[in-house]
């Protein structure tokens, strides 16, 4: 992982997962952590087809072990949705991200770090789908919340502002461009 050889890292972790699962049980905390590391390795290697079912299985396992609204279950569900988005399954990805966001909002509020990332991801998926007006409707209130909580000079806030500026240009009939 440190050498950014993610596919090899996934392979090595996979070998450890099998033997650890036999000894500790397939849903032990250590084994789930290894499986998550393997899924992230696949995702970073760009192998979203391999990562997707692992993140989905992890979401189910964490849901059983820690509860369906646990941070680990939510993160696994969100990562599975991001994989779906990368695989072009945008409708399913959006539905999954909205589901996770609903849970996050009920547990941590609308401007928690997790909620902010999910809101941005939803906006960016909408934008990638060519739904600029819908993306604007998601990102504009996000930007207002970020300005209020983190300030307009925050790096994340500035990136959302840049994306909104590009969307405004496109919605106003300006030159087409891709968001930052």
N, C-alpha and C. Protein backbone atom coordinates (compact mmCIF):
# COMPACT_ATOMS: atom_id res chain seq x y z
N UNK A 1 0.83 -1.19 0.00
CA UNK A 1 0.00 0.00 0.00
C UNK A 1 0.88 1.25 0.00
N UNK A 2 1.90 1.28 0.84
CA UNK A 2 2.76 2.45 0.93
C UNK A 2 3.48 2.73 -0.39
N UNK A 3 3.73 1.69 -1.16
CA UNK A 3 4.41 1.85 -2.45
C UNK A 3 3.42 2.03 -3.59
N UNK A 4 2.12 2.18 -3.22
CA UNK A 4 1.04 2.38 -4.19
C UNK A 4 0.92 1.23 -5.19
N UNK A 5 1.24 0.03 -4.73
CA UNK A 5 1.05 -1.17 -5.54
C UNK A 5 -0.19 -1.86 -4.98
N UNK A 6 -1.33 -1.26 -5.29
CA UNK A 6 -2.58 -1.64 -4.65
C UNK A 6 -3.07 -3.03 -5.03
N UNK A 7 -2.92 -3.41 -6.28
CA UNK A 7 -3.36 -4.74 -6.70
C UNK A 7 -2.57 -5.81 -5.96
N UNK A 8 -1.26 -5.61 -5.83
CA UNK A 8 -0.44 -6.56 -5.10
C UNK A 8 -0.80 -6.56 -3.62
N UNK A 9 -1.09 -5.39 -3.08
CA UNK A 9 -1.49 -5.30 -1.67
C UNK A 9 -2.77 -6.09 -1.44
N UNK A 10 -3.72 -5.96 -2.36
CA UNK A 10 -4.98 -6.71 -2.23
C UNK A 10 -4.73 -8.20 -2.25
N UNK A 11 -3.82 -8.63 -3.09
CA UNK A 11 -3.48 -10.05 -3.19
C UNK A 11 -2.88 -10.56 -1.88
N UNK A 12 -1.94 -9.81 -1.34
CA UNK A 12 -1.27 -10.21 -0.10
C UNK A 12 -2.27 -10.24 1.05
N UNK A 13 -3.09 -9.20 1.16
CA UNK A 13 -4.08 -9.16 2.23
C UNK A 13 -5.07 -10.30 2.06
N UNK A 14 -5.43 -10.61 0.82
CA UNK A 14 -6.36 -11.72 0.56
C UNK A 14 -5.85 -13.04 1.09
N UNK A 15 -4.55 -13.28 0.96
CA UNK A 15 -3.96 -14.51 1.48
C UNK A 15 -4.07 -14.56 3.00
N UNK A 16 -3.89 -13.42 3.64
CA UNK A 16 -3.98 -13.35 5.10
C UNK A 16 -5.43 -13.51 5.56
N UNK A 17 -6.36 -12.95 4.79
CA UNK A 17 -7.77 -13.00 5.16
C UNK A 17 -8.24 -14.44 5.30
N UNK A 18 -7.90 -15.26 4.34
CA UNK A 18 -8.38 -16.65 4.36
C UNK A 18 -7.92 -17.39 5.61
N UNK A 19 -6.63 -17.30 5.93
CA UNK A 19 -6.15 -18.03 7.11
C UNK A 19 -6.67 -17.39 8.40
N UNK A 20 -6.76 -16.08 8.44
CA UNK A 20 -7.27 -15.41 9.64
C UNK A 20 -8.74 -15.76 9.88
N UNK A 21 -9.52 -15.85 8.81
CA UNK A 21 -10.94 -16.19 8.94
C UNK A 21 -11.11 -17.61 9.51
N UNK A 22 -10.25 -18.53 9.09
CA UNK A 22 -10.32 -19.90 9.62
C UNK A 22 -10.04 -19.93 11.12
N UNK A 23 -9.10 -19.11 11.55
CA UNK A 23 -8.70 -19.12 12.96
C UNK A 23 -9.63 -18.26 13.82
N UNK A 24 -9.95 -17.05 13.35
CA UNK A 24 -10.67 -16.08 14.18
C UNK A 24 -12.18 -16.02 13.91
N UNK A 25 -12.60 -16.55 12.78
CA UNK A 25 -14.00 -16.43 12.38
C UNK A 25 -14.15 -15.36 11.32
N UNK A 26 -15.06 -15.59 10.39
CA UNK A 26 -15.16 -14.70 9.23
C UNK A 26 -15.66 -13.30 9.57
N UNK A 27 -16.31 -13.14 10.73
CA UNK A 27 -16.81 -11.82 11.08
C UNK A 27 -16.14 -11.24 12.33
N UNK A 28 -14.93 -11.74 12.62
CA UNK A 28 -14.18 -11.14 13.73
C UNK A 28 -13.73 -9.75 13.31
N UNK A 29 -13.50 -8.91 14.27
CA UNK A 29 -13.10 -7.52 14.01
C UNK A 29 -11.82 -7.48 13.16
N UNK A 30 -10.86 -8.33 13.49
CA UNK A 30 -9.59 -8.34 12.75
C UNK A 30 -9.80 -8.76 11.30
N UNK A 31 -10.61 -9.77 11.07
CA UNK A 31 -10.85 -10.26 9.71
C UNK A 31 -11.62 -9.21 8.90
N UNK A 32 -12.61 -8.59 9.51
CA UNK A 32 -13.35 -7.54 8.80
C UNK A 32 -12.43 -6.38 8.45
N UNK A 33 -11.52 -6.05 9.34
CA UNK A 33 -10.55 -4.98 9.05
C UNK A 33 -9.65 -5.34 7.88
N UNK A 34 -9.21 -6.59 7.84
CA UNK A 34 -8.38 -7.04 6.71
C UNK A 34 -9.17 -7.02 5.40
N UNK A 35 -10.41 -7.47 5.47
CA UNK A 35 -11.25 -7.46 4.27
C UNK A 35 -11.48 -6.05 3.78
N UNK A 36 -11.65 -5.11 4.71
CA UNK A 36 -11.84 -3.72 4.32
C UNK A 36 -10.58 -3.19 3.65
N UNK A 37 -9.43 -3.54 4.20
CA UNK A 37 -8.16 -3.11 3.60
C UNK A 37 -8.03 -3.67 2.18
N UNK A 38 -8.43 -4.93 1.99
CA UNK A 38 -8.38 -5.53 0.66
C UNK A 38 -9.33 -4.80 -0.29
N UNK A 39 -10.52 -4.49 0.16
CA UNK A 39 -11.50 -3.79 -0.69
C UNK A 39 -10.98 -2.41 -1.08
N UNK A 40 -10.41 -1.69 -0.11
CA UNK A 40 -9.85 -0.37 -0.43
C UNK A 40 -8.68 -0.51 -1.41
N UNK A 41 -7.88 -1.55 -1.26
CA UNK A 41 -6.77 -1.77 -2.19
C UNK A 41 -7.28 -1.97 -3.60
N UNK A 42 -8.32 -2.80 -3.74
CA UNK A 42 -8.91 -3.00 -5.07
C UNK A 42 -9.44 -1.69 -5.62
N UNK A 43 -10.10 -0.94 -4.76
CA UNK A 43 -10.68 0.33 -5.20
C UNK A 43 -9.58 1.29 -5.66
N UNK A 44 -8.52 1.39 -4.89
CA UNK A 44 -7.42 2.28 -5.26
C UNK A 44 -6.70 1.80 -6.52
N UNK A 45 -6.73 0.50 -6.76
CA UNK A 45 -6.12 -0.06 -7.97
C UNK A 45 -7.03 0.13 -9.18
N UNK A 46 -8.24 0.64 -8.94
CA UNK A 46 -9.18 0.85 -10.04
C UNK A 46 -10.01 -0.39 -10.36
N UNK A 47 -9.92 -1.43 -9.53
CA UNK A 47 -10.68 -2.65 -9.74
C UNK A 47 -12.00 -2.57 -8.97
N UNK A 48 -12.90 -1.73 -9.46
CA UNK A 48 -14.17 -1.50 -8.78
C UNK A 48 -15.08 -2.72 -8.84
N UNK A 49 -14.90 -3.56 -9.86
CA UNK A 49 -15.71 -4.78 -9.95
C UNK A 49 -15.38 -5.75 -8.82
N UNK A 50 -14.14 -5.81 -8.42
CA UNK A 50 -13.75 -6.67 -7.29
C UNK A 50 -14.12 -6.01 -5.96
N UNK A 51 -13.95 -4.71 -5.88
CA UNK A 51 -14.21 -4.00 -4.62
C UNK A 51 -15.70 -3.97 -4.27
N UNK A 52 -16.56 -3.81 -5.28
CA UNK A 52 -18.00 -3.65 -5.02
C UNK A 52 -18.60 -4.79 -4.19
N UNK A 53 -18.46 -6.06 -4.60
CA UNK A 53 -19.09 -7.10 -3.79
C UNK A 53 -18.46 -7.23 -2.40
N UNK A 54 -17.18 -6.91 -2.29
CA UNK A 54 -16.54 -6.98 -0.97
C UNK A 54 -17.09 -5.89 -0.05
N UNK A 55 -17.23 -4.67 -0.57
CA UNK A 55 -17.82 -3.60 0.25
C UNK A 55 -19.27 -3.92 0.62
N UNK A 56 -20.02 -4.50 -0.31
CA UNK A 56 -21.40 -4.88 0.00
C UNK A 56 -21.45 -5.95 1.09
N UNK A 57 -20.57 -6.94 0.98
CA UNK A 57 -20.50 -7.99 2.00
C UNK A 57 -20.06 -7.42 3.34
N UNK A 58 -19.12 -6.48 3.30
CA UNK A 58 -18.68 -5.84 4.54
C UNK A 58 -19.81 -5.04 5.18
N UNK A 59 -20.60 -4.34 4.36
CA UNK A 59 -21.73 -3.57 4.90
C UNK A 59 -22.70 -4.50 5.62
N UNK A 60 -22.97 -5.65 5.01
CA UNK A 60 -23.86 -6.63 5.64
C UNK A 60 -23.24 -7.17 6.93
N UNK A 61 -21.97 -7.52 6.88
CA UNK A 61 -21.29 -8.08 8.06
C UNK A 61 -21.24 -7.05 9.19
N UNK A 62 -20.84 -5.82 8.87
CA UNK A 62 -20.80 -4.78 9.91
C UNK A 62 -22.21 -4.50 10.43
N UNK A 63 -23.21 -4.59 9.56
CA UNK A 63 -24.58 -4.41 10.01
C UNK A 63 -24.98 -5.45 11.04
N UNK A 64 -24.55 -6.68 10.83
CA UNK A 64 -24.85 -7.75 11.79
C UNK A 64 -24.04 -7.59 13.07
N UNK A 65 -22.76 -7.24 12.94
CA UNK A 65 -21.86 -7.19 14.09
C UNK A 65 -22.03 -5.90 14.91
N UNK A 66 -22.12 -4.76 14.21
CA UNK A 66 -22.12 -3.46 14.89
C UNK A 66 -23.43 -2.71 14.77
N UNK A 67 -24.32 -3.19 13.94
CA UNK A 67 -25.59 -2.50 13.72
C UNK A 67 -25.60 -1.82 12.36
N UNK A 68 -26.76 -1.77 11.71
CA UNK A 68 -26.84 -1.22 10.35
C UNK A 68 -26.52 0.27 10.25
N UNK A 69 -26.62 0.99 11.35
CA UNK A 69 -26.28 2.42 11.29
C UNK A 69 -24.89 2.72 11.84
N UNK A 70 -24.11 1.66 12.12
CA UNK A 70 -22.75 1.86 12.63
C UNK A 70 -21.88 2.54 11.58
N UNK A 71 -20.87 3.22 12.04
CA UNK A 71 -19.97 3.93 11.13
C UNK A 71 -19.34 2.98 10.10
N UNK A 72 -18.93 1.80 10.54
CA UNK A 72 -18.31 0.84 9.62
C UNK A 72 -19.30 0.37 8.56
N UNK A 73 -20.54 0.10 8.96
CA UNK A 73 -21.56 -0.33 7.99
C UNK A 73 -21.86 0.80 7.00
N UNK A 74 -21.99 2.02 7.52
CA UNK A 74 -22.27 3.18 6.64
C UNK A 74 -21.13 3.39 5.66
N UNK A 75 -19.90 3.35 6.15
CA UNK A 75 -18.75 3.58 5.28
C UNK A 75 -18.67 2.51 4.19
N UNK A 76 -18.92 1.27 4.57
CA UNK A 76 -18.87 0.19 3.58
C UNK A 76 -19.96 0.37 2.53
N UNK A 77 -21.16 0.77 2.95
CA UNK A 77 -22.25 1.02 2.01
C UNK A 77 -21.91 2.17 1.07
N UNK A 78 -21.33 3.23 1.63
CA UNK A 78 -20.96 4.39 0.81
C UNK A 78 -19.86 4.02 -0.19
N UNK A 79 -18.89 3.22 0.24
CA UNK A 79 -17.83 2.81 -0.68
C UNK A 79 -18.38 1.92 -1.79
N UNK A 80 -19.32 1.06 -1.45
CA UNK A 80 -19.96 0.23 -2.49
C UNK A 80 -20.67 1.13 -3.49
N UNK A 81 -21.34 2.15 -3.00
CA UNK A 81 -22.03 3.09 -3.90
C UNK A 81 -21.04 3.82 -4.80
N UNK A 82 -19.91 4.21 -4.24
CA UNK A 82 -18.89 4.89 -5.06
C UNK A 82 -18.37 3.95 -6.14
N UNK A 83 -18.20 2.68 -5.81
CA UNK A 83 -17.79 1.70 -6.82
C UNK A 83 -18.85 1.61 -7.92
N UNK A 84 -20.12 1.57 -7.53
CA UNK A 84 -21.20 1.54 -8.52
C UNK A 84 -21.12 2.75 -9.44
N UNK A 85 -20.85 3.91 -8.87
CA UNK A 85 -20.72 5.12 -9.68
C UNK A 85 -19.60 4.99 -10.69
N UNK A 86 -18.48 4.45 -10.25
CA UNK A 86 -17.33 4.27 -11.14
C UNK A 86 -17.62 3.25 -12.24
N UNK A 87 -18.52 2.31 -11.95
CA UNK A 87 -18.88 1.29 -12.93
C UNK A 87 -20.02 1.73 -13.84
N UNK A 88 -20.46 2.98 -13.68
CA UNK A 88 -21.51 3.51 -14.53
C UNK A 88 -22.91 3.20 -14.05
N UNK A 89 -23.04 2.64 -12.87
CA UNK A 89 -24.35 2.33 -12.29
C UNK A 89 -24.80 3.51 -11.44
N UNK A 90 -24.95 4.65 -12.10
CA UNK A 90 -25.16 5.91 -11.39
C UNK A 90 -26.48 5.95 -10.63
N UNK A 91 -27.54 5.45 -11.22
CA UNK A 91 -28.85 5.48 -10.54
C UNK A 91 -28.79 4.71 -9.23
N UNK A 92 -28.20 3.51 -9.27
CA UNK A 92 -28.06 2.71 -8.05
C UNK A 92 -27.12 3.38 -7.06
N UNK A 93 -26.05 3.97 -7.56
CA UNK A 93 -25.10 4.65 -6.69
C UNK A 93 -25.76 5.81 -5.97
N UNK A 94 -26.54 6.60 -6.71
CA UNK A 94 -27.23 7.74 -6.09
C UNK A 94 -28.22 7.27 -5.03
N UNK A 95 -28.98 6.23 -5.33
CA UNK A 95 -29.95 5.71 -4.35
C UNK A 95 -29.23 5.24 -3.09
N UNK A 96 -28.12 4.55 -3.25
CA UNK A 96 -27.36 4.06 -2.10
C UNK A 96 -26.77 5.21 -1.29
N UNK A 97 -26.20 6.19 -1.97
CA UNK A 97 -25.62 7.34 -1.26
C UNK A 97 -26.70 8.11 -0.50
N UNK A 98 -27.87 8.27 -1.11
CA UNK A 98 -28.97 8.94 -0.42
C UNK A 98 -29.39 8.15 0.82
N UNK A 99 -29.43 6.82 0.70
CA UNK A 99 -29.77 5.99 1.85
C UNK A 99 -28.78 6.14 2.99
N UNK A 100 -27.50 6.13 2.65
CA UNK A 100 -26.47 6.30 3.68
C UNK A 100 -26.56 7.71 4.28
N UNK A 101 -26.77 8.72 3.42
CA UNK A 101 -26.88 10.09 3.91
C UNK A 101 -28.04 10.24 4.88
N UNK A 102 -29.16 9.60 4.60
CA UNK A 102 -30.30 9.68 5.51
C UNK A 102 -29.93 9.15 6.90
N UNK A 103 -29.19 8.05 6.93
CA UNK A 103 -28.75 7.49 8.22
C UNK A 103 -27.77 8.44 8.91
N UNK A 104 -26.81 8.95 8.15
CA UNK A 104 -25.81 9.85 8.72
C UNK A 104 -26.47 11.10 9.29
N UNK A 105 -27.42 11.65 8.55
CA UNK A 105 -28.12 12.84 9.03
C UNK A 105 -28.83 12.56 10.34
N UNK A 106 -29.44 11.39 10.47
CA UNK A 106 -30.17 11.07 11.71
C UNK A 106 -29.22 10.82 12.89
N UNK A 107 -28.02 10.38 12.59
CA UNK A 107 -27.06 10.06 13.65
C UNK A 107 -26.14 11.24 13.98
N UNK A 108 -25.57 11.88 12.93
CA UNK A 108 -24.53 12.89 13.13
C UNK A 108 -24.88 14.29 12.62
N UNK A 109 -26.00 14.45 11.95
CA UNK A 109 -26.38 15.76 11.43
C UNK A 109 -25.94 15.96 9.99
N UNK A 110 -26.27 17.12 9.47
CA UNK A 110 -26.09 17.43 8.05
C UNK A 110 -24.71 17.98 7.70
N UNK A 111 -23.96 18.44 8.69
CA UNK A 111 -22.65 19.01 8.38
C UNK A 111 -21.50 18.24 9.03
N UNK A 112 -21.78 17.00 9.43
CA UNK A 112 -20.67 16.15 9.88
C UNK A 112 -19.77 15.89 8.67
N UNK A 113 -18.55 15.52 8.93
CA UNK A 113 -17.61 15.27 7.84
C UNK A 113 -18.16 14.21 6.87
N UNK A 114 -18.74 13.17 7.43
CA UNK A 114 -19.29 12.10 6.60
C UNK A 114 -20.45 12.61 5.74
N UNK A 115 -21.36 13.39 6.34
CA UNK A 115 -22.50 13.93 5.59
C UNK A 115 -22.05 14.86 4.48
N UNK A 116 -21.07 15.69 4.78
CA UNK A 116 -20.55 16.63 3.79
C UNK A 116 -19.96 15.89 2.59
N UNK A 117 -19.18 14.84 2.86
CA UNK A 117 -18.59 14.06 1.76
C UNK A 117 -19.68 13.38 0.92
N UNK A 118 -20.69 12.85 1.59
CA UNK A 118 -21.78 12.19 0.87
C UNK A 118 -22.55 13.19 0.02
N UNK A 119 -22.82 14.35 0.58
CA UNK A 119 -23.55 15.38 -0.18
C UNK A 119 -22.75 15.81 -1.41
N UNK A 120 -21.44 15.97 -1.23
CA UNK A 120 -20.59 16.34 -2.37
C UNK A 120 -20.59 15.22 -3.41
N UNK A 121 -20.45 13.97 -2.96
CA UNK A 121 -20.43 12.84 -3.89
C UNK A 121 -21.74 12.76 -4.68
N UNK A 122 -22.86 12.99 -4.00
CA UNK A 122 -24.15 12.97 -4.69
C UNK A 122 -24.19 14.07 -5.76
N UNK A 123 -23.76 15.26 -5.39
CA UNK A 123 -23.73 16.36 -6.36
C UNK A 123 -22.84 16.06 -7.55
N UNK A 124 -21.68 15.48 -7.29
CA UNK A 124 -20.74 15.18 -8.37
C UNK A 124 -21.27 14.07 -9.28
N UNK A 125 -21.94 13.08 -8.70
CA UNK A 125 -22.54 12.03 -9.53
C UNK A 125 -23.65 12.60 -10.42
N UNK A 126 -24.45 13.48 -9.85
CA UNK A 126 -25.49 14.13 -10.65
C UNK A 126 -24.87 14.93 -11.79
N UNK A 127 -23.80 15.63 -11.49
CA UNK A 127 -23.12 16.42 -12.51
C UNK A 127 -22.53 15.52 -13.59
N UNK A 128 -21.93 14.42 -13.17
CA UNK A 128 -21.35 13.47 -14.14
C UNK A 128 -22.43 12.86 -15.02
N UNK A 129 -23.63 12.79 -14.51
CA UNK A 129 -24.76 12.25 -15.26
C UNK A 129 -25.38 13.30 -16.18
N UNK A 130 -24.84 14.52 -16.16
CA UNK A 130 -25.36 15.58 -17.01
C UNK A 130 -26.55 16.31 -16.40
N UNK A 131 -26.77 16.10 -15.13
CA UNK A 131 -27.90 16.73 -14.44
C UNK A 131 -27.40 17.92 -13.63
N UNK A 132 -26.94 18.94 -14.37
CA UNK A 132 -26.31 20.11 -13.74
C UNK A 132 -27.25 20.84 -12.79
N UNK A 133 -28.50 21.03 -13.15
CA UNK A 133 -29.43 21.74 -12.28
C UNK A 133 -29.65 20.98 -10.98
N UNK A 134 -29.78 19.65 -11.07
CA UNK A 134 -29.93 18.83 -9.86
C UNK A 134 -28.67 18.88 -9.01
N UNK A 135 -27.51 18.85 -9.66
CA UNK A 135 -26.25 18.95 -8.94
C UNK A 135 -26.15 20.28 -8.21
N UNK A 136 -26.56 21.33 -8.89
CA UNK A 136 -26.56 22.67 -8.28
C UNK A 136 -27.45 22.68 -7.04
N UNK A 137 -28.62 22.05 -7.14
CA UNK A 137 -29.56 22.02 -6.02
C UNK A 137 -29.00 21.27 -4.81
N UNK A 138 -28.05 20.38 -5.03
CA UNK A 138 -27.40 19.66 -3.93
C UNK A 138 -26.19 20.45 -3.42
N UNK A 139 -25.38 20.95 -4.35
CA UNK A 139 -24.11 21.58 -3.97
C UNK A 139 -24.27 23.01 -3.43
N UNK A 140 -25.28 23.73 -3.88
CA UNK A 140 -25.44 25.11 -3.40
C UNK A 140 -25.74 25.16 -1.90
N UNK A 141 -26.71 24.38 -1.39
CA UNK A 141 -26.91 24.38 0.06
C UNK A 141 -25.72 23.79 0.83
N UNK A 142 -25.03 22.83 0.20
CA UNK A 142 -23.82 22.30 0.83
C UNK A 142 -22.80 23.42 1.00
N UNK A 143 -22.62 24.21 -0.05
CA UNK A 143 -21.66 25.32 0.02
C UNK A 143 -22.06 26.31 1.11
N UNK A 144 -23.33 26.64 1.21
CA UNK A 144 -23.78 27.56 2.26
C UNK A 144 -23.47 27.00 3.65
N UNK A 145 -23.71 25.69 3.84
CA UNK A 145 -23.40 25.06 5.12
C UNK A 145 -21.91 25.08 5.40
N UNK A 146 -21.12 24.80 4.38
CA UNK A 146 -19.66 24.80 4.56
C UNK A 146 -19.14 26.18 4.91
N UNK A 147 -19.67 27.20 4.25
CA UNK A 147 -19.25 28.58 4.56
C UNK A 147 -19.56 28.92 6.01
N UNK A 148 -20.72 28.47 6.47
CA UNK A 148 -21.14 28.78 7.83
C UNK A 148 -20.30 28.01 8.86
N UNK A 149 -20.01 26.75 8.58
CA UNK A 149 -19.33 25.91 9.57
C UNK A 149 -17.81 25.98 9.45
N UNK A 150 -17.28 25.88 8.23
CA UNK A 150 -15.83 25.82 8.03
C UNK A 150 -15.25 27.11 7.49
N UNK A 151 -16.09 27.99 6.97
CA UNK A 151 -15.63 29.26 6.44
C UNK A 151 -15.36 29.17 4.95
N UNK A 152 -15.46 30.33 4.26
CA UNK A 152 -15.29 30.35 2.80
C UNK A 152 -13.86 30.07 2.35
N UNK A 153 -12.89 30.22 3.24
CA UNK A 153 -11.49 30.01 2.86
C UNK A 153 -11.03 28.57 3.03
N UNK A 154 -11.89 27.72 3.60
CA UNK A 154 -11.55 26.31 3.75
C UNK A 154 -11.35 25.70 2.36
N UNK A 155 -10.39 24.79 2.24
CA UNK A 155 -10.05 24.18 0.95
C UNK A 155 -11.23 23.42 0.34
N UNK A 156 -11.92 22.64 1.15
CA UNK A 156 -13.06 21.87 0.66
C UNK A 156 -14.18 22.81 0.21
N UNK A 157 -14.44 23.85 1.02
CA UNK A 157 -15.45 24.85 0.67
C UNK A 157 -15.12 25.51 -0.65
N UNK A 158 -13.85 25.83 -0.85
CA UNK A 158 -13.42 26.49 -2.09
C UNK A 158 -13.62 25.57 -3.30
N UNK A 159 -13.37 24.28 -3.13
CA UNK A 159 -13.56 23.33 -4.25
C UNK A 159 -15.04 23.24 -4.63
N UNK A 160 -15.91 23.22 -3.63
CA UNK A 160 -17.34 23.19 -3.93
C UNK A 160 -17.74 24.49 -4.63
N UNK A 161 -17.19 25.62 -4.18
CA UNK A 161 -17.49 26.91 -4.82
C UNK A 161 -17.04 26.91 -6.27
N UNK A 162 -15.87 26.34 -6.56
CA UNK A 162 -15.38 26.27 -7.94
C UNK A 162 -16.31 25.43 -8.80
N UNK A 163 -16.76 24.31 -8.27
CA UNK A 163 -17.69 23.45 -9.01
C UNK A 163 -18.99 24.19 -9.28
N UNK A 164 -19.48 24.92 -8.29
CA UNK A 164 -20.71 25.69 -8.47
C UNK A 164 -20.53 26.78 -9.54
N UNK A 165 -19.35 27.40 -9.57
CA UNK A 165 -19.09 28.43 -10.58
C UNK A 165 -19.15 27.84 -11.99
N UNK A 166 -18.60 26.65 -12.16
CA UNK A 166 -18.63 25.98 -13.46
C UNK A 166 -20.07 25.62 -13.82
N UNK A 167 -20.82 25.12 -12.85
CA UNK A 167 -22.22 24.77 -13.11
C UNK A 167 -23.01 26.01 -13.51
N UNK A 168 -22.78 27.12 -12.80
CA UNK A 168 -23.49 28.38 -13.14
C UNK A 168 -23.18 28.80 -14.57
N UNK A 169 -21.92 28.69 -14.96
CA UNK A 169 -21.55 29.04 -16.34
C UNK A 169 -22.32 28.19 -17.33
N UNK A 170 -22.36 26.90 -17.07
CA UNK A 170 -23.06 25.98 -17.98
C UNK A 170 -24.56 26.22 -17.99
N UNK A 171 -25.14 26.48 -16.82
CA UNK A 171 -26.58 26.72 -16.74
C UNK A 171 -26.97 28.04 -17.39
N UNK A 172 -26.04 29.00 -17.34
CA UNK A 172 -26.31 30.31 -17.95
C UNK A 172 -25.96 30.35 -19.42
N UNK A 173 -25.58 29.22 -19.97
CA UNK A 173 -25.26 29.17 -21.39
C UNK A 173 -23.84 29.56 -21.71
N UNK A 174 -22.99 29.59 -20.69
CA UNK A 174 -21.58 29.92 -20.91
C UNK A 174 -20.85 28.75 -21.53
N UNK A 175 -19.54 28.87 -21.67
CA UNK A 175 -18.76 27.79 -22.27
C UNK A 175 -18.80 26.55 -21.38
N UNK A 176 -18.89 25.42 -22.03
CA UNK A 176 -18.89 24.16 -21.29
C UNK A 176 -17.50 23.90 -20.73
N UNK A 177 -17.45 23.33 -19.59
CA UNK A 177 -16.17 22.98 -18.96
C UNK A 177 -16.41 21.90 -17.95
N UNK A 178 -15.36 21.32 -17.48
CA UNK A 178 -15.54 20.28 -16.46
C UNK A 178 -15.20 20.86 -15.11
N UNK A 179 -15.93 20.46 -14.06
CA UNK A 179 -15.68 20.97 -12.72
C UNK A 179 -14.33 20.55 -12.19
N UNK A 180 -13.84 21.34 -11.28
CA UNK A 180 -12.54 21.05 -10.66
C UNK A 180 -12.64 19.89 -9.74
